[in-house]
N, C-alpha and C. Protein backbone atom coordinates (compact mmCIF):
# COMPACT_ATOMS: atom_id res chain seq x y z
N MET A 1 47.94 85.89 53.82
CA MET A 1 48.67 85.09 54.79
C MET A 1 48.70 83.63 54.31
N ALA A 2 49.87 83.02 54.33
CA ALA A 2 50.03 81.64 53.87
C ALA A 2 49.48 80.66 54.88
N ARG A 3 48.85 79.60 54.36
CA ARG A 3 48.35 78.55 55.25
C ARG A 3 49.51 77.72 55.77
N SER A 4 49.40 77.30 57.00
CA SER A 4 50.45 76.43 57.54
C SER A 4 50.29 75.03 56.97
N ASP A 5 51.38 74.32 56.92
CA ASP A 5 51.38 72.94 56.41
C ASP A 5 50.66 72.05 57.41
N PRO A 6 49.57 71.37 57.02
CA PRO A 6 48.83 70.54 57.97
C PRO A 6 49.58 69.29 58.40
N THR A 7 50.76 69.04 57.85
CA THR A 7 51.56 67.90 58.33
C THR A 7 52.69 68.37 59.22
N SER A 8 52.73 69.65 59.54
CA SER A 8 53.82 70.16 60.38
C SER A 8 53.68 69.65 61.80
N ARG A 9 54.80 69.58 62.48
CA ARG A 9 54.87 69.01 63.83
C ARG A 9 53.97 69.76 64.81
N GLY A 10 53.87 71.05 64.68
CA GLY A 10 53.14 71.83 65.66
C GLY A 10 51.65 71.93 65.41
N ASP A 11 51.13 71.28 64.41
CA ASP A 11 49.71 71.36 64.08
C ASP A 11 48.91 70.61 65.15
N HIS A 12 48.18 71.36 65.98
CA HIS A 12 47.46 70.75 67.10
C HIS A 12 46.34 69.81 66.65
N VAL A 13 45.73 70.07 65.51
CA VAL A 13 44.67 69.18 65.01
C VAL A 13 45.28 67.84 64.59
N ASN A 14 46.40 67.89 63.88
CA ASN A 14 47.06 66.64 63.52
C ASN A 14 47.47 65.86 64.77
N ASN A 15 47.99 66.56 65.75
CA ASN A 15 48.37 65.88 66.99
C ASN A 15 47.17 65.21 67.64
N ALA A 16 46.03 65.87 67.60
CA ALA A 16 44.81 65.28 68.18
C ALA A 16 44.38 64.05 67.39
N ILE A 17 44.50 64.11 66.06
CA ILE A 17 44.17 62.95 65.23
C ILE A 17 45.11 61.80 65.56
N ILE A 18 46.40 62.09 65.64
CA ILE A 18 47.39 61.06 65.96
C ILE A 18 47.10 60.44 67.33
N GLU A 19 46.76 61.26 68.30
CA GLU A 19 46.43 60.74 69.64
C GLU A 19 45.25 59.78 69.58
N GLN A 20 44.23 60.11 68.80
CA GLN A 20 43.07 59.24 68.67
C GLN A 20 43.48 57.89 68.05
N LEU A 21 44.30 57.94 67.01
CA LEU A 21 44.73 56.71 66.35
C LEU A 21 45.68 55.90 67.22
N GLN A 22 46.42 56.56 68.10
CA GLN A 22 47.28 55.81 69.02
C GLN A 22 46.44 55.07 70.06
N ARG A 23 45.29 55.59 70.39
CA ARG A 23 44.39 54.88 71.30
C ARG A 23 43.79 53.65 70.63
N ASP A 24 43.44 53.83 69.34
CA ASP A 24 42.82 52.75 68.57
C ASP A 24 43.09 53.00 67.10
N GLY A 25 44.03 52.27 66.52
CA GLY A 25 44.41 52.45 65.13
C GLY A 25 43.31 52.12 64.14
N ARG A 26 42.25 51.47 64.61
CA ARG A 26 41.11 51.13 63.74
C ARG A 26 39.93 52.07 63.96
N MET A 27 40.13 53.14 64.71
CA MET A 27 39.05 54.07 65.00
C MET A 27 38.48 54.64 63.70
N ALA A 28 37.17 54.72 63.62
CA ALA A 28 36.50 55.25 62.44
C ALA A 28 36.80 56.74 62.28
N TYR A 29 36.92 57.17 61.02
CA TYR A 29 37.15 58.59 60.75
C TYR A 29 36.04 59.45 61.34
N SER A 30 34.82 58.96 61.34
CA SER A 30 33.70 59.73 61.89
C SER A 30 33.87 59.95 63.39
N THR A 31 34.39 58.95 64.09
CA THR A 31 34.64 59.08 65.53
C THR A 31 35.76 60.07 65.79
N ILE A 32 36.82 59.97 65.00
CA ILE A 32 37.94 60.92 65.14
C ILE A 32 37.44 62.34 64.85
N ALA A 33 36.64 62.47 63.81
CA ALA A 33 36.13 63.79 63.43
C ALA A 33 35.38 64.46 64.57
N LYS A 34 34.54 63.70 65.26
CA LYS A 34 33.80 64.25 66.40
C LYS A 34 34.75 64.68 67.52
N ALA A 35 35.80 63.89 67.74
CA ALA A 35 36.73 64.19 68.83
C ALA A 35 37.60 65.42 68.55
N VAL A 36 37.90 65.66 67.27
CA VAL A 36 38.82 66.77 66.95
C VAL A 36 38.14 67.98 66.33
N GLY A 37 36.84 67.86 66.07
CA GLY A 37 36.09 69.01 65.56
C GLY A 37 36.25 69.28 64.08
N LEU A 38 36.44 68.24 63.30
CA LEU A 38 36.53 68.37 61.84
C LEU A 38 35.48 67.47 61.19
N SER A 39 35.32 67.64 59.88
CA SER A 39 34.46 66.73 59.15
C SER A 39 35.18 65.41 58.94
N GLU A 40 34.42 64.37 58.67
CA GLU A 40 35.01 63.06 58.39
C GLU A 40 35.94 63.14 57.18
N ALA A 41 35.53 63.87 56.16
CA ALA A 41 36.36 64.01 54.94
C ALA A 41 37.68 64.71 55.25
N ALA A 42 37.63 65.72 56.10
CA ALA A 42 38.85 66.45 56.46
C ALA A 42 39.80 65.56 57.24
N VAL A 43 39.26 64.73 58.14
CA VAL A 43 40.10 63.80 58.90
C VAL A 43 40.72 62.78 57.95
N ARG A 44 39.93 62.22 57.05
CA ARG A 44 40.43 61.25 56.08
C ARG A 44 41.59 61.86 55.27
N GLN A 45 41.40 63.08 54.82
CA GLN A 45 42.42 63.76 54.02
C GLN A 45 43.69 64.00 54.85
N ARG A 46 43.53 64.45 56.08
CA ARG A 46 44.70 64.70 56.93
C ARG A 46 45.45 63.40 57.24
N VAL A 47 44.71 62.34 57.57
CA VAL A 47 45.36 61.06 57.86
C VAL A 47 46.14 60.59 56.64
N GLN A 48 45.54 60.68 55.47
CA GLN A 48 46.22 60.24 54.25
C GLN A 48 47.49 61.06 54.01
N LYS A 49 47.42 62.36 54.24
CA LYS A 49 48.59 63.22 54.04
C LYS A 49 49.69 62.90 55.06
N LEU A 50 49.31 62.62 56.29
CA LEU A 50 50.28 62.24 57.31
C LEU A 50 50.98 60.94 56.95
N VAL A 51 50.23 59.99 56.43
CA VAL A 51 50.80 58.71 55.99
C VAL A 51 51.68 58.92 54.76
N ASP A 52 51.15 59.64 53.76
CA ASP A 52 51.90 59.87 52.51
C ASP A 52 53.22 60.60 52.76
N ASN A 53 53.24 61.51 53.72
CA ASN A 53 54.44 62.29 54.02
C ASN A 53 55.38 61.60 55.01
N GLY A 54 55.04 60.38 55.41
CA GLY A 54 55.91 59.63 56.31
C GLY A 54 55.89 60.09 57.75
N VAL A 55 54.91 60.92 58.12
CA VAL A 55 54.80 61.40 59.49
C VAL A 55 54.36 60.27 60.41
N MET A 56 53.52 59.38 59.91
CA MET A 56 53.05 58.26 60.71
C MET A 56 52.75 57.07 59.82
N GLN A 57 52.64 55.92 60.45
CA GLN A 57 52.20 54.69 59.82
C GLN A 57 51.07 54.13 60.67
N ILE A 58 50.17 53.44 60.04
CA ILE A 58 49.13 52.73 60.78
C ILE A 58 49.41 51.25 60.56
N VAL A 59 49.85 50.59 61.63
CA VAL A 59 50.28 49.20 61.54
C VAL A 59 49.75 48.41 62.74
N ALA A 60 49.77 47.10 62.60
CA ALA A 60 49.45 46.22 63.73
C ALA A 60 50.76 45.90 64.44
N VAL A 61 50.80 46.09 65.74
CA VAL A 61 51.98 45.77 66.54
C VAL A 61 51.68 44.48 67.29
N THR A 62 52.52 43.48 67.07
CA THR A 62 52.29 42.19 67.71
C THR A 62 53.20 42.02 68.92
N ASP A 63 52.82 41.13 69.79
CA ASP A 63 53.67 40.70 70.89
C ASP A 63 54.46 39.50 70.37
N PRO A 64 55.78 39.65 70.19
CA PRO A 64 56.57 38.55 69.61
C PRO A 64 56.38 37.22 70.34
N MET A 65 56.23 37.25 71.66
CA MET A 65 56.05 36.02 72.43
C MET A 65 54.77 35.29 72.02
N GLN A 66 53.74 36.04 71.67
CA GLN A 66 52.45 35.45 71.33
C GLN A 66 52.43 34.87 69.92
N VAL A 67 53.41 35.23 69.09
CA VAL A 67 53.43 34.73 67.71
C VAL A 67 54.66 33.86 67.44
N GLY A 68 55.24 33.28 68.50
CA GLY A 68 56.27 32.27 68.33
C GLY A 68 57.71 32.72 68.38
N PHE A 69 57.95 33.96 68.79
CA PHE A 69 59.32 34.45 68.89
C PHE A 69 59.65 34.68 70.36
N ALA A 70 60.38 33.73 70.94
CA ALA A 70 60.61 33.73 72.39
C ALA A 70 61.81 34.57 72.81
N ARG A 71 62.59 35.09 71.87
CA ARG A 71 63.80 35.82 72.26
C ARG A 71 63.90 37.14 71.50
N GLN A 72 64.08 38.20 72.25
CA GLN A 72 64.38 39.50 71.69
C GLN A 72 65.70 39.96 72.27
N ALA A 73 66.47 40.68 71.48
CA ALA A 73 67.75 41.18 71.96
C ALA A 73 68.11 42.47 71.24
N MET A 74 68.89 43.27 71.92
CA MET A 74 69.50 44.45 71.31
C MET A 74 70.97 44.11 71.15
N ILE A 75 71.50 44.37 69.97
CA ILE A 75 72.89 44.06 69.69
C ILE A 75 73.63 45.36 69.43
N GLY A 76 74.65 45.62 70.24
CA GLY A 76 75.52 46.75 70.01
C GLY A 76 76.61 46.32 69.05
N ILE A 77 76.87 47.12 68.04
CA ILE A 77 77.84 46.75 67.01
C ILE A 77 78.89 47.85 66.87
N SER A 78 80.15 47.43 66.92
CA SER A 78 81.26 48.32 66.60
C SER A 78 81.74 47.96 65.20
N ALA A 79 82.10 48.97 64.44
CA ALA A 79 82.47 48.71 63.04
C ALA A 79 83.48 49.74 62.56
N THR A 80 84.08 49.42 61.41
CA THR A 80 84.95 50.35 60.72
C THR A 80 84.42 50.53 59.31
N GLY A 81 84.78 51.64 58.70
CA GLY A 81 84.32 51.88 57.34
C GLY A 81 82.99 52.61 57.30
N ASP A 82 82.25 52.38 56.26
CA ASP A 82 81.00 53.06 55.99
C ASP A 82 79.87 52.47 56.84
N ILE A 83 79.53 53.16 57.91
CA ILE A 83 78.51 52.68 58.86
C ILE A 83 77.15 52.58 58.18
N GLU A 84 76.82 53.51 57.31
CA GLU A 84 75.52 53.46 56.65
C GLU A 84 75.42 52.27 55.70
N ALA A 85 76.51 51.90 55.06
CA ALA A 85 76.51 50.71 54.19
C ALA A 85 76.32 49.45 55.03
N ILE A 86 76.95 49.41 56.20
CA ILE A 86 76.77 48.27 57.10
C ILE A 86 75.33 48.21 57.59
N ALA A 87 74.77 49.37 57.93
CA ALA A 87 73.37 49.43 58.38
C ALA A 87 72.44 48.94 57.27
N ALA A 88 72.74 49.27 56.03
CA ALA A 88 71.91 48.83 54.91
C ALA A 88 71.96 47.31 54.76
N LYS A 89 73.12 46.72 54.98
CA LYS A 89 73.23 45.26 54.92
C LYS A 89 72.46 44.61 56.07
N LEU A 90 72.55 45.21 57.25
CA LEU A 90 71.81 44.69 58.40
C LEU A 90 70.30 44.78 58.15
N ALA A 91 69.87 45.83 57.49
CA ALA A 91 68.45 46.04 57.22
C ALA A 91 67.87 44.95 56.32
N MET A 92 68.70 44.26 55.59
CA MET A 92 68.22 43.19 54.70
C MET A 92 67.98 41.87 55.45
N ILE A 93 68.37 41.81 56.72
CA ILE A 93 68.19 40.60 57.52
C ILE A 93 66.78 40.61 58.10
N ASP A 94 66.01 39.56 57.81
CA ASP A 94 64.61 39.51 58.23
C ASP A 94 64.42 39.67 59.74
N GLU A 95 65.27 39.10 60.54
CA GLU A 95 65.09 39.13 61.99
C GLU A 95 65.36 40.50 62.61
N VAL A 96 66.00 41.38 61.87
CA VAL A 96 66.32 42.73 62.36
C VAL A 96 65.10 43.60 62.17
N ASP A 97 64.63 44.20 63.28
CA ASP A 97 63.45 45.07 63.16
C ASP A 97 63.71 46.52 63.53
N TYR A 98 64.94 46.84 63.93
CA TYR A 98 65.24 48.21 64.37
C TYR A 98 66.73 48.41 64.24
N ILE A 99 67.12 49.50 63.61
CA ILE A 99 68.54 49.83 63.48
C ILE A 99 68.70 51.32 63.72
N VAL A 100 69.68 51.67 64.52
CA VAL A 100 69.98 53.09 64.72
C VAL A 100 71.49 53.27 64.70
N VAL A 101 71.94 54.30 64.00
CA VAL A 101 73.34 54.68 64.00
C VAL A 101 73.55 55.56 65.22
N THR A 102 74.56 55.27 66.00
CA THR A 102 74.76 55.98 67.26
C THR A 102 76.09 56.74 67.28
N ALA A 103 76.20 57.62 68.24
CA ALA A 103 77.45 58.32 68.52
C ALA A 103 77.84 57.91 69.93
N GLY A 104 78.95 57.24 70.06
CA GLY A 104 79.37 56.77 71.38
C GLY A 104 80.34 55.62 71.23
N SER A 105 80.34 54.75 72.21
CA SER A 105 81.31 53.66 72.21
C SER A 105 80.96 52.54 71.22
N ILE A 106 79.74 52.53 70.74
CA ILE A 106 79.35 51.59 69.67
C ILE A 106 78.80 52.40 68.51
N ASP A 107 78.78 51.78 67.35
CA ASP A 107 78.37 52.48 66.14
C ASP A 107 76.92 52.27 65.75
N LEU A 108 76.38 51.10 66.08
CA LEU A 108 75.02 50.75 65.70
C LEU A 108 74.32 50.01 66.83
N LEU A 109 73.05 50.22 66.96
CA LEU A 109 72.19 49.40 67.82
C LEU A 109 71.20 48.71 66.91
N VAL A 110 71.09 47.40 67.08
CA VAL A 110 70.23 46.59 66.22
C VAL A 110 69.35 45.72 67.11
N GLU A 111 68.04 45.83 66.96
CA GLU A 111 67.12 44.96 67.69
C GLU A 111 66.75 43.79 66.80
N VAL A 112 66.75 42.61 67.40
CA VAL A 112 66.37 41.41 66.67
C VAL A 112 65.28 40.66 67.43
N VAL A 113 64.46 39.95 66.68
CA VAL A 113 63.42 39.10 67.24
C VAL A 113 63.61 37.72 66.61
N VAL A 114 63.82 36.71 67.45
CA VAL A 114 64.11 35.36 66.97
C VAL A 114 63.31 34.32 67.75
N GLU A 115 63.33 33.10 67.25
CA GLU A 115 62.55 32.03 67.86
C GLU A 115 63.12 31.55 69.19
N ASP A 116 64.45 31.44 69.28
CA ASP A 116 65.06 30.89 70.49
C ASP A 116 66.55 31.25 70.51
N ASP A 117 67.26 30.76 71.53
CA ASP A 117 68.68 31.09 71.67
C ASP A 117 69.52 30.54 70.52
N GLN A 118 69.18 29.36 70.02
CA GLN A 118 69.93 28.79 68.89
C GLN A 118 69.77 29.67 67.65
N HIS A 119 68.58 30.15 67.44
CA HIS A 119 68.32 31.06 66.32
C HIS A 119 69.14 32.34 66.49
N LEU A 120 69.20 32.86 67.72
CA LEU A 120 69.99 34.07 68.01
C LEU A 120 71.47 33.82 67.73
N LEU A 121 71.99 32.71 68.20
CA LEU A 121 73.39 32.37 67.97
C LEU A 121 73.68 32.28 66.48
N SER A 122 72.83 31.60 65.75
CA SER A 122 73.01 31.45 64.31
C SER A 122 72.97 32.81 63.62
N LEU A 123 72.06 33.66 64.04
CA LEU A 123 71.93 34.99 63.45
C LEU A 123 73.18 35.83 63.70
N VAL A 124 73.62 35.89 64.96
CA VAL A 124 74.77 36.72 65.31
C VAL A 124 76.04 36.17 64.66
N ASN A 125 76.26 34.88 64.80
CA ASN A 125 77.49 34.26 64.31
C ASN A 125 77.52 34.10 62.80
N GLY A 126 76.40 33.73 62.21
CA GLY A 126 76.39 33.41 60.79
C GLY A 126 75.97 34.53 59.87
N SER A 127 75.24 35.52 60.38
CA SER A 127 74.76 36.59 59.52
C SER A 127 75.34 37.96 59.87
N ILE A 128 75.26 38.32 61.13
CA ILE A 128 75.68 39.68 61.53
C ILE A 128 77.20 39.82 61.56
N ARG A 129 77.88 38.93 62.26
CA ARG A 129 79.33 39.07 62.41
C ARG A 129 80.10 38.81 61.13
N THR A 130 79.45 38.29 60.11
CA THR A 130 80.12 38.02 58.83
C THR A 130 80.09 39.23 57.89
N ILE A 131 79.39 40.28 58.26
CA ILE A 131 79.32 41.48 57.43
C ILE A 131 80.65 42.22 57.50
N ASP A 132 81.24 42.50 56.34
CA ASP A 132 82.51 43.22 56.29
C ASP A 132 82.41 44.55 57.03
N GLY A 133 83.38 44.80 57.88
CA GLY A 133 83.44 46.05 58.63
C GLY A 133 83.01 45.91 60.07
N ILE A 134 82.25 44.88 60.39
CA ILE A 134 81.83 44.68 61.78
C ILE A 134 83.00 44.08 62.55
N THR A 135 83.41 44.78 63.61
CA THR A 135 84.57 44.35 64.38
C THR A 135 84.21 43.74 65.72
N ARG A 136 83.02 44.08 66.23
CA ARG A 136 82.65 43.60 67.56
C ARG A 136 81.14 43.68 67.73
N THR A 137 80.57 42.69 68.41
CA THR A 137 79.15 42.74 68.77
C THR A 137 79.01 42.49 70.26
N GLU A 138 78.00 43.08 70.83
CA GLU A 138 77.64 42.80 72.23
C GLU A 138 76.13 42.65 72.28
N THR A 139 75.69 41.47 72.71
CA THR A 139 74.27 41.15 72.69
C THR A 139 73.66 41.35 74.07
N PHE A 140 72.55 42.07 74.11
CA PHE A 140 71.82 42.32 75.35
C PHE A 140 70.47 41.61 75.24
N LEU A 141 70.29 40.54 75.99
CA LEU A 141 69.04 39.77 75.95
C LEU A 141 67.96 40.51 76.72
N TYR A 142 66.77 40.54 76.17
CA TYR A 142 65.63 41.13 76.85
C TYR A 142 65.10 40.10 77.84
N LEU A 143 65.06 40.44 79.10
CA LEU A 143 64.49 39.57 80.12
C LEU A 143 63.02 39.90 80.38
N LYS A 144 62.71 41.20 80.31
CA LYS A 144 61.33 41.63 80.56
C LYS A 144 61.12 42.98 79.91
N LEU A 145 60.04 43.11 79.19
CA LEU A 145 59.68 44.40 78.61
C LEU A 145 58.87 45.15 79.64
N VAL A 146 59.40 46.25 80.13
CA VAL A 146 58.74 47.02 81.17
C VAL A 146 57.85 48.11 80.58
N LYS A 147 58.32 48.76 79.53
CA LYS A 147 57.54 49.84 78.93
C LYS A 147 57.85 49.93 77.45
N GLN A 148 56.81 50.06 76.65
CA GLN A 148 56.96 50.30 75.23
C GLN A 148 55.77 51.13 74.79
N THR A 149 56.03 52.36 74.40
CA THR A 149 54.96 53.23 73.94
C THR A 149 55.33 53.85 72.61
N TYR A 150 54.33 54.35 71.94
CA TYR A 150 54.54 55.03 70.67
C TYR A 150 53.85 56.37 70.67
N ASN A 151 53.59 56.93 71.83
CA ASN A 151 52.80 58.16 71.91
C ASN A 151 53.61 59.43 71.83
N TRP A 152 54.91 59.36 71.63
CA TRP A 152 55.72 60.57 71.56
C TRP A 152 55.38 61.42 70.34
N GLY A 153 54.74 60.83 69.34
CA GLY A 153 54.41 61.57 68.13
C GLY A 153 53.36 62.63 68.32
N ALA A 154 52.65 62.63 69.41
CA ALA A 154 51.57 63.59 69.60
C ALA A 154 51.78 64.49 70.80
N ARG A 155 52.95 64.45 71.38
CA ARG A 155 53.19 65.32 72.54
C ARG A 155 53.30 66.76 72.14
């Protein structure tokens, strides 16, 4: 009988490891091992494989307001031509932290984090709208972040 891939979505041990790391990304492998019933070495190996295979990342998530970025916005973009090429150009802009190609009345959703409204205006007018193929933008300013979670990876 073939062994299942330990990075597969349905692997309950991996899900348990991911849940532990979502609680505390700095949790010691020995602590995770006790919680999921594996050896420390096995947890270390599984975490490394999950990272290497792109299943998860272990990163520090900051609050933009606390590090000097007072404005966040989602920008809806309508475009013509090669949407993936436009998305690649948008990805090169430092202030852009999220891009998704959509199916609907807009072609792309782009989240940006900037210092203030002047920075946002400069970004939209001078960087985003100048990309060939972009025909329309609609900016949605974030007034309040109500919920932001990353726990869907372990459901």
